[in-house]
N, C-alpha and C. Protein backbone atom coordinates (compact mmCIF):
# COMPACT_ATOMS: atom_id res chain seq x y z
N MET A 1 -17.44 11.50 -2.53
CA MET A 1 -16.54 12.03 -1.52
C MET A 1 -16.84 13.37 -1.15
N THR A 2 -17.16 13.70 0.20
CA THR A 2 -17.61 15.17 0.57
C THR A 2 -16.21 15.96 0.78
N PRO A 3 -16.28 17.19 0.66
CA PRO A 3 -15.16 18.11 0.62
C PRO A 3 -14.58 17.87 1.96
N LEU A 4 -15.00 17.64 3.09
CA LEU A 4 -14.32 17.37 4.17
C LEU A 4 -13.44 16.04 4.16
N THR A 5 -13.60 15.19 3.46
CA THR A 5 -12.95 14.06 3.23
C THR A 5 -11.78 14.18 2.17
N LYS A 6 -12.05 14.93 1.31
CA LYS A 6 -11.14 15.24 0.31
C LYS A 6 -9.71 15.81 0.78
N VAL A 7 -9.72 16.81 1.83
CA VAL A 7 -8.60 17.39 2.10
C VAL A 7 -7.78 16.52 2.89
N PRO A 8 -8.17 15.64 3.89
CA PRO A 8 -7.27 14.67 4.60
C PRO A 8 -6.83 13.49 3.69
N THR A 9 -7.56 13.32 2.77
CA THR A 9 -7.12 12.20 1.82
C THR A 9 -5.90 12.65 1.01
N VAL A 10 -6.07 13.89 0.38
CA VAL A 10 -5.04 14.42 -0.27
C VAL A 10 -3.81 14.90 0.55
N ALA A 11 -3.99 15.13 1.80
CA ALA A 11 -2.79 15.23 2.65
C ALA A 11 -2.06 14.06 2.96
N VAL A 12 -2.84 12.98 3.18
CA VAL A 12 -2.05 11.81 3.28
C VAL A 12 -1.33 11.29 2.26
N ILE A 13 -1.90 11.44 0.96
CA ILE A 13 -1.25 11.05 -0.24
C ILE A 13 0.05 11.92 -0.18
N VAL A 14 -0.05 13.22 -0.18
CA VAL A 14 1.02 14.07 -0.41
C VAL A 14 2.09 13.84 0.61
N LEU A 15 1.75 13.45 2.04
CA LEU A 15 2.65 13.27 2.94
C LEU A 15 3.38 11.81 2.62
N GLY A 16 2.61 10.78 2.46
CA GLY A 16 3.03 9.61 1.98
C GLY A 16 4.22 9.74 0.81
N LEU A 17 3.88 10.40 -0.29
CA LEU A 17 4.81 10.41 -1.34
C LEU A 17 6.15 11.24 -0.93
N SER A 18 5.96 12.39 -0.14
CA SER A 18 7.11 13.22 0.11
C SER A 18 8.13 12.37 1.12
N ALA A 19 7.69 11.24 1.63
CA ALA A 19 8.50 10.52 2.51
C ALA A 19 9.50 9.40 1.78
N CYS A 20 9.33 9.28 0.61
CA CYS A 20 10.03 8.26 -0.29
C CYS A 20 11.28 8.63 -0.60
N ALA A 21 11.84 9.47 -0.51
CA ALA A 21 13.13 10.09 -1.02
C ALA A 21 14.35 9.24 -0.78
N ASN A 22 14.51 8.94 0.52
CA ASN A 22 15.68 8.23 0.98
C ASN A 22 15.44 6.90 1.47
N MET A 23 14.55 6.03 0.95
CA MET A 23 14.05 4.59 1.43
C MET A 23 15.08 3.62 0.76
N THR A 24 15.33 2.71 1.55
CA THR A 24 15.93 1.57 1.20
C THR A 24 15.14 0.91 0.11
N PRO A 25 15.66 -0.08 -0.57
CA PRO A 25 14.85 -1.04 -1.54
C PRO A 25 13.61 -1.70 -0.78
N GLN A 26 14.11 -2.38 0.51
CA GLN A 26 13.14 -2.90 1.02
C GLN A 26 12.04 -2.03 1.66
N GLN A 27 12.44 -1.05 2.07
CA GLN A 27 11.40 -0.18 2.46
C GLN A 27 10.35 0.37 1.34
N GLN A 28 10.97 0.49 0.21
CA GLN A 28 10.24 0.81 -0.99
C GLN A 28 9.33 -0.43 -1.65
N ARG A 29 9.77 -1.75 -1.31
CA ARG A 29 9.03 -2.80 -1.62
C ARG A 29 7.81 -2.91 -0.66
N ALA A 30 8.02 -2.45 0.65
CA ALA A 30 6.93 -2.56 1.63
C ALA A 30 5.94 -1.55 1.32
N LEU A 31 6.39 -0.56 0.96
CA LEU A 31 5.51 0.79 0.67
C LEU A 31 4.74 0.42 -0.56
N SER A 32 5.29 0.04 -1.69
CA SER A 32 4.51 -0.20 -2.92
C SER A 32 3.58 -1.68 -2.60
N GLY A 33 4.23 -2.67 -1.88
CA GLY A 33 3.34 -3.79 -1.60
C GLY A 33 2.16 -3.51 -0.77
N GLY A 34 2.33 -2.53 0.39
CA GLY A 34 1.14 -2.11 1.09
C GLY A 34 0.12 -1.19 0.32
N ALA A 35 0.65 -0.60 -0.82
CA ALA A 35 -0.40 0.19 -1.58
C ALA A 35 -1.20 -0.73 -2.34
N MET A 36 -0.25 -1.75 -3.15
CA MET A 36 -1.26 -2.57 -4.01
C MET A 36 -2.18 -3.47 -3.17
N GLY A 37 -1.64 -4.00 -1.96
CA GLY A 37 -2.46 -4.77 -1.19
C GLY A 37 -3.60 -4.08 -0.68
N ALA A 38 -3.70 -2.82 -0.15
CA ALA A 38 -4.81 -2.13 0.17
C ALA A 38 -5.75 -1.95 -0.99
N ALA A 39 -5.25 -1.45 -2.23
CA ALA A 39 -6.16 -1.29 -3.37
C ALA A 39 -6.84 -2.76 -3.66
N GLY A 40 -6.20 -3.75 -3.65
CA GLY A 40 -6.64 -5.22 -3.96
C GLY A 40 -7.73 -5.56 -3.00
N GLY A 41 -7.38 -5.24 -1.76
CA GLY A 41 -8.32 -5.57 -0.43
C GLY A 41 -9.59 -4.77 -0.59
N ALA A 42 -9.38 -3.51 -0.88
CA ALA A 42 -10.64 -2.68 -1.09
C ALA A 42 -11.51 -3.18 -2.25
N ALA A 43 -10.87 -3.43 -3.41
CA ALA A 43 -11.62 -3.83 -4.59
C ALA A 43 -12.35 -5.14 -4.28
N ILE A 44 -11.76 -6.18 -3.73
CA ILE A 44 -12.30 -7.48 -3.48
C ILE A 44 -13.34 -7.26 -2.50
N ALA A 45 -13.05 -6.46 -1.37
CA ALA A 45 -14.43 -6.37 -0.49
C ALA A 45 -15.60 -5.63 -0.97
N ALA A 46 -15.21 -4.59 -2.07
CA ALA A 46 -16.39 -4.01 -2.60
C ALA A 46 -17.19 -4.72 -3.74
N MET A 47 -16.45 -5.56 -4.49
CA MET A 47 -16.87 -6.53 -5.52
C MET A 47 -17.80 -7.60 -4.89
N THR A 48 -17.17 -8.13 -3.77
CA THR A 48 -18.14 -9.22 -2.89
C THR A 48 -19.14 -8.93 -2.06
N GLY A 49 -19.06 -7.76 -1.76
CA GLY A 49 -20.09 -7.04 -0.71
C GLY A 49 -20.11 -7.89 0.53
N GLY A 50 -19.26 -8.77 0.75
CA GLY A 50 -19.24 -9.58 1.98
C GLY A 50 -18.65 -9.02 3.31
N GLY A 51 -17.95 -7.67 3.13
CA GLY A 51 -17.33 -7.34 4.44
C GLY A 51 -17.10 -5.72 4.23
N SER A 52 -16.62 -5.20 5.22
CA SER A 52 -16.09 -3.86 5.11
C SER A 52 -15.08 -3.47 4.29
N ILE A 53 -15.10 -2.53 3.46
CA ILE A 53 -14.23 -2.12 2.65
C ILE A 53 -13.14 -1.67 3.31
N VAL A 54 -13.47 -0.85 4.49
CA VAL A 54 -12.11 -0.59 5.34
C VAL A 54 -11.31 -1.60 5.87
N ALA A 55 -12.10 -2.64 6.19
CA ALA A 55 -11.47 -3.86 6.88
C ALA A 55 -10.54 -4.68 5.74
N GLY A 56 -11.05 -4.62 4.38
CA GLY A 56 -10.51 -5.13 3.27
C GLY A 56 -9.12 -4.38 3.04
N THR A 57 -9.37 -3.01 2.97
CA THR A 57 -8.19 -2.19 2.84
C THR A 57 -7.15 -2.38 3.79
N LEU A 58 -7.45 -2.46 5.15
CA LEU A 58 -6.44 -2.71 6.03
C LEU A 58 -5.65 -4.11 6.13
N ILE A 59 -6.47 -5.17 5.78
CA ILE A 59 -5.86 -6.44 5.67
C ILE A 59 -5.07 -6.57 4.34
N GLY A 60 -5.69 -6.03 3.39
CA GLY A 60 -4.87 -6.05 2.10
C GLY A 60 -3.41 -5.44 2.25
N GLY A 61 -3.54 -4.09 2.89
CA GLY A 61 -2.48 -3.23 2.92
C GLY A 61 -1.28 -3.85 3.80
N GLY A 62 -1.98 -4.44 5.10
CA GLY A 62 -0.91 -5.09 5.96
C GLY A 62 -0.33 -6.27 5.40
N GLY A 63 -0.97 -7.05 4.58
CA GLY A 63 -0.54 -8.39 4.00
C GLY A 63 0.60 -7.92 2.86
N GLY A 64 0.11 -6.83 2.04
CA GLY A 64 0.96 -6.31 0.92
C GLY A 64 2.23 -5.83 1.42
N ALA A 65 2.19 -5.02 2.60
CA ALA A 65 3.49 -4.55 3.17
C ALA A 65 4.46 -5.52 3.77
N LEU A 66 3.78 -6.43 4.42
CA LEU A 66 4.59 -7.68 5.00
C LEU A 66 5.32 -8.39 3.80
N ILE A 67 4.42 -8.66 2.97
CA ILE A 67 5.30 -9.54 1.83
C ILE A 67 6.11 -8.71 1.20
N GLY A 68 6.04 -7.58 0.84
CA GLY A 68 6.89 -6.73 0.06
C GLY A 68 8.28 -6.51 1.01
N SER A 69 8.16 -6.26 2.24
CA SER A 69 9.30 -6.26 2.96
C SER A 69 10.08 -7.54 3.22
N LEU A 70 9.39 -8.66 3.04
CA LEU A 70 10.14 -9.92 3.46
C LEU A 70 10.77 -10.43 1.94
N LEU A 71 10.39 -9.83 0.64
CA LEU A 71 11.16 -10.21 -0.29
C LEU A 71 12.48 -9.81 -0.56
N PRO A 72 13.28 -10.66 -0.93
CA PRO A 72 14.81 -10.49 -0.97
C PRO A 72 15.02 -9.45 -2.18
N ASP A 73 16.25 -8.66 -1.92
CA ASP A 73 16.58 -7.62 -3.02
C ASP A 73 16.91 -8.24 -4.53
N ASN A 74 16.98 -9.41 -4.68
CA ASN A 74 17.06 -10.00 -6.11
C ASN A 74 15.99 -10.88 -6.34
N TRP A 75 14.87 -10.65 -5.91
CA TRP A 75 13.79 -11.46 -6.21
C TRP A 75 13.09 -11.82 -7.50
N LEU A 76 13.59 -10.79 -8.38
CA LEU A 76 13.29 -10.94 -9.82
C LEU A 76 14.69 -11.16 -10.77
N GLY A 77 15.64 -11.33 -9.99
CA GLY A 77 16.81 -11.76 -10.64
C GLY A 77 17.72 -10.38 -10.98
N HIS A 78 17.18 -9.25 -10.33
CA HIS A 78 17.87 -8.00 -10.48
C HIS A 78 18.79 -7.94 -9.31
N LYS A 79 20.14 -7.37 -9.53
CA LYS A 79 20.78 -6.96 -8.43
C LYS A 79 20.75 -5.52 -8.02
N SER A 80 20.71 -5.40 -6.89
CA SER A 80 20.58 -3.85 -6.31
C SER A 80 21.95 -3.23 -6.18
N ASN A 81 22.12 -2.06 -6.22
CA ASN A 81 23.19 -1.20 -6.20
C ASN A 81 23.76 -1.33 -4.65
């Protein structure tokens, strides 16, 4: 990673984490699902070599965010406050 790409990457991470303070549980699930999906999509695209890592990241992130936002509050049997 070149120095020119490190600065925007760090800025996106810091801004993304600073916006988490007043999120509803559904929004938190969507955010974490999107992050996990993006990481998984990028990893699968990199391991298979069959497609673009960026495309894998975007597809995985979108799918993870969608699934995370659609899960009910008590999907693991926990009750939210």
